[in-house]
Amino acid sequence: LQVNGSIKGKGRVVVAIADPSRKMGTVTSVNITVEGVRIQHSNETWTTIAFTAKTYDLLALNASGKNALLADISLPEGNYTQIRLDIANVVVTDANGTHYAKLPSGELRLKGRFAVNENETTTARIEFLADESLHMTGKGEYILTPVIRFETRENAGVSIERDDDVRINEGRTAWSAKHGMDVDGEMGEMRMV
């Protein structure tokens, strides 16, 4: 049922990716391919909210200051507890060429609390901190153990520019935490800095 351009019992969810990391020496790009994005309701059911694989250059996002669009979807009202990104691969370019980076797990689970309310917009901003995430092994190979700031806002104002640059303003912060992946691929909450 649609009322005044909105869908009764549903709210809008916009998920964006960014990277505010510092300069990374000879590394000129960190391309991460996201195959899908899923969101978990508090009743533990999962819903896929982005189906198409897309590659994001974290350092280009950093240089432009953009929040790139991952998903923009209407979901049923309710409380949600987790967002999951399925990662296909990570490719790093440095002064010596292009290299695949090892990722301990192709799945990033970000836990947090946020509500989807009728006729409101909820946002989830996923900031990859590439400078804290990318490491070189003793064998000269790259490994990416993601460190991510995850923030959700309820009743947010959102505009999406023509180039899928997401602008988020206003709203109330529902969740803000820093997450890190260990060498076994498990994501855990870290102390905020």
Protein backbone atom coordinates (compact mmCIF):
# COMPACT_ATOMS: atom_id res chain seq x y z
CA LEU A 1 0.00 0.00 0.00
CA GLN A 2 1.46 3.32 -1.09
CA VAL A 3 0.48 6.54 0.72
CA ASN A 4 1.71 9.93 -0.56
CA GLY A 5 4.67 8.37 -2.39
CA SER A 6 5.77 6.25 0.57
CA ILE A 7 5.16 2.57 1.28
CA LYS A 8 3.13 1.83 4.41
CA GLY A 9 5.08 -0.13 7.01
CA LYS A 10 8.42 0.40 5.28
CA GLY A 11 11.37 2.72 5.61
CA ARG A 12 14.34 3.57 3.40
CA VAL A 13 17.81 2.18 4.11
CA VAL A 14 20.87 3.68 2.44
CA VAL A 15 24.26 1.98 2.88
CA ALA A 16 27.47 3.79 1.87
CA ILE A 17 31.19 3.00 1.85
CA ALA A 18 34.03 5.48 2.46
CA ASP A 19 37.72 5.56 3.38
CA PRO A 20 39.20 8.35 5.51
CA SER A 21 42.66 6.70 5.83
CA ARG A 22 46.00 8.48 5.78
CA LYS A 23 48.57 8.35 2.96
CA MET A 24 49.93 4.87 2.32
CA GLY A 25 53.42 5.38 0.89
CA THR A 26 53.90 3.58 -2.44
CA VAL A 27 50.37 2.07 -2.42
CA THR A 28 48.31 3.95 -5.01
CA SER A 29 45.08 1.94 -4.97
CA VAL A 30 43.26 -0.63 -2.88
CA ASN A 31 40.41 -2.08 -4.94
CA ILE A 32 37.83 -4.09 -3.03
CA THR A 33 35.09 -5.99 -4.86
CA VAL A 34 31.83 -6.28 -2.92
CA GLU A 35 29.66 -9.11 -4.31
CA GLY A 36 26.64 -8.55 -2.12
CA VAL A 37 25.28 -6.78 0.95
CA ARG A 38 22.88 -8.37 3.44
CA ILE A 39 21.12 -7.02 6.49
CA GLN A 40 19.87 -8.96 9.52
CA HIS A 41 16.58 -8.26 11.28
CA SER A 42 16.41 -8.72 15.05
CA ASN A 43 14.39 -11.90 14.40
CA GLU A 44 17.63 -13.26 12.81
CA THR A 45 16.35 -13.36 9.21
CA TRP A 46 18.70 -12.07 6.54
CA THR A 47 17.69 -9.94 3.54
CA THR A 48 19.96 -9.31 0.54
CA ILE A 49 19.93 -5.57 -0.19
CA ALA A 50 22.60 -5.41 -2.94
CA PHE A 51 23.03 -8.15 -5.54
CA THR A 52 25.47 -6.80 -8.12
CA ALA A 53 29.23 -7.09 -7.69
CA LYS A 54 30.96 -3.71 -7.71
CA THR A 55 34.57 -2.67 -7.18
CA TYR A 56 35.50 0.33 -5.04
CA ASP A 57 38.96 1.94 -4.96
CA LEU A 58 39.30 2.86 -1.30
CA LEU A 59 42.10 5.35 -1.92
CA ALA A 60 40.12 7.10 -4.68
CA LEU A 61 37.18 7.40 -2.27
CA ASN A 62 39.59 8.88 0.24
CA ALA A 63 41.00 11.41 -2.25
CA SER A 64 37.53 12.53 -3.36
CA GLY A 65 36.00 12.54 0.13
CA LYS A 66 33.01 10.62 -1.23
CA ASN A 67 30.64 8.13 0.33
CA ALA A 68 29.94 5.61 -2.45
CA LEU A 69 26.52 3.98 -2.64
CA LEU A 70 26.35 0.28 -1.69
CA ALA A 71 22.56 -0.05 -1.38
CA ASP A 72 19.37 2.03 -1.40
CA ILE A 73 16.28 -0.02 -0.57
CA SER A 74 12.92 -0.02 1.23
CA LEU A 75 12.71 -2.48 4.12
CA PRO A 76 9.98 -3.43 6.60
CA GLU A 77 9.86 -1.45 9.81
CA GLY A 78 11.72 -3.05 12.67
CA ASN A 79 14.99 -3.39 14.52
CA TYR A 80 18.08 -4.58 12.69
CA THR A 81 21.29 -5.88 14.23
CA GLN A 82 23.89 -6.60 11.57
CA ILE A 83 25.13 -5.82 8.05
CA ARG A 84 27.20 -8.32 6.09
CA LEU A 85 29.42 -7.56 3.10
CA ASP A 86 30.50 -10.42 0.84
CA ILE A 87 33.98 -9.61 -0.50
CA ALA A 88 35.18 -11.33 -3.70
CA ASN A 89 38.75 -10.02 -3.75
CA VAL A 90 41.14 -7.21 -2.88
CA VAL A 91 43.69 -5.91 -5.40
CA VAL A 92 46.50 -3.58 -4.34
CA THR A 93 48.57 -1.43 -6.70
CA ASP A 94 51.95 -0.12 -5.57
CA ALA A 95 55.23 1.00 -7.16
CA ASN A 96 55.98 -2.64 -8.08
CA GLY A 97 52.68 -3.39 -9.84
CA THR A 98 49.35 -5.00 -9.03
CA HIS A 99 48.94 -7.70 -6.37
CA TYR A 100 46.06 -9.69 -4.89
CA ALA A 101 45.83 -9.20 -1.13
CA LYS A 102 44.91 -12.11 1.11
CA LEU A 103 41.67 -11.59 3.02
CA PRO A 104 41.23 -13.91 6.05
CA SER A 105 37.48 -14.07 5.36
CA GLY A 106 35.38 -13.05 2.37
CA GLU A 107 32.60 -12.03 4.73
CA LEU A 108 32.54 -8.88 6.88
CA ARG A 109 29.87 -8.95 9.61
CA LEU A 110 29.31 -5.59 11.25
CA LYS A 111 27.17 -5.74 14.37
CA GLY A 112 25.14 -2.75 15.50
CA ARG A 113 21.68 -1.62 16.52
CA PHE A 114 19.45 0.49 14.30
CA ALA A 115 15.77 0.81 13.53
CA VAL A 116 13.93 1.16 10.25
CA ASN A 117 10.88 3.37 10.75
CA GLU A 118 7.99 4.04 8.41
CA ASN A 119 8.58 7.04 6.12
CA GLU A 120 12.07 7.67 7.54
CA THR A 121 15.55 7.08 6.14
CA THR A 122 18.12 5.05 8.05
CA THR A 123 21.75 5.17 6.91
CA ALA A 124 24.70 2.87 7.48
CA ARG A 125 28.14 4.32 6.73
CA ILE A 126 30.99 1.82 6.47
CA GLU A 127 34.40 3.50 6.63
CA PHE A 128 37.29 1.23 5.64
CA LEU A 129 40.51 2.42 7.29
CA ALA A 130 42.88 1.10 4.62
CA ASP A 131 45.99 2.45 6.36
CA GLU A 132 45.16 0.36 9.46
CA SER A 133 43.90 -2.64 7.48
CA LEU A 134 46.59 -3.36 4.88
CA HIS A 135 49.76 -5.15 5.99
CA MET A 136 52.73 -6.76 4.28
CA THR A 137 53.90 -10.19 5.38
CA GLY A 138 57.54 -11.19 5.79
CA LYS A 139 57.26 -12.83 2.35
CA GLY A 140 56.35 -9.50 0.74
CA GLU A 141 52.66 -10.38 0.26
CA TYR A 142 49.74 -8.13 1.17
CA ILE A 143 47.10 -9.14 3.68
CA LEU A 144 43.97 -7.11 4.39
CA THR A 145 42.51 -7.48 7.87
CA PRO A 146 39.79 -4.81 7.68
CA VAL A 147 39.50 -2.13 10.32
CA ILE A 148 36.17 -0.38 9.87
CA ARG A 149 34.24 2.44 11.51
CA PHE A 150 30.54 1.60 11.33
CA GLU A 151 27.93 4.26 12.00
CA THR A 152 24.16 4.14 11.62
CA ARG A 153 21.77 7.09 11.67
CA GLU A 154 18.01 7.09 12.01
CA ASN A 155 15.69 9.74 10.56
CA ALA A 156 18.59 10.97 8.41
CA GLY A 157 18.60 13.36 5.50
CA VAL A 158 20.15 11.80 2.39
CA SER A 159 20.86 12.95 -1.14
CA ILE A 160 22.48 10.79 -3.80
CA GLU A 161 24.38 12.67 -6.48
CA ARG A 162 24.57 11.56 -10.10
CA ASP A 163 27.87 9.72 -9.58
CA ASP A 164 26.45 7.68 -6.64
CA ASP A 165 28.04 10.02 -4.08
CA VAL A 166 25.91 9.73 -0.93
CA ARG A 167 25.48 12.86 1.20
CA ILE A 168 24.24 12.16 4.72
CA ASN A 169 23.12 14.90 7.06
CA GLU A 170 21.08 15.32 10.19
CA GLY A 171 19.48 12.35 11.87
CA ARG A 172 20.36 10.78 15.17
CA THR A 173 23.28 8.44 15.62
CA ALA A 174 21.93 4.99 16.51
CA TRP A 175 25.25 3.13 16.51
CA SER A 176 28.90 4.05 16.21
CA ALA A 177 31.73 1.56 16.69
CA LYS A 178 35.08 0.55 15.30
CA HIS A 179 35.40 -3.07 14.16
CA GLY A 180 38.49 -5.07 13.30
CA MET A 181 39.12 -8.45 11.69
CA ASP A 182 41.57 -10.88 13.22
CA VAL A 183 43.80 -13.30 11.28
CA ASP A 184 41.09 -15.97 11.56
CA GLY A 185 38.59 -13.75 9.73
CA GLU A 186 36.45 -12.92 12.78
CA MET A 187 35.12 -9.37 13.11
CA GLY A 188 35.04 -7.86 16.59
CA GLU A 189 34.30 -4.48 18.11
CA MET A 190 37.34 -2.37 18.99
CA ARG A 191 37.75 0.53 21.37
CA MET A 192 36.86 3.82 19.63
CA VAL A 193 39.74 6.20 19.06
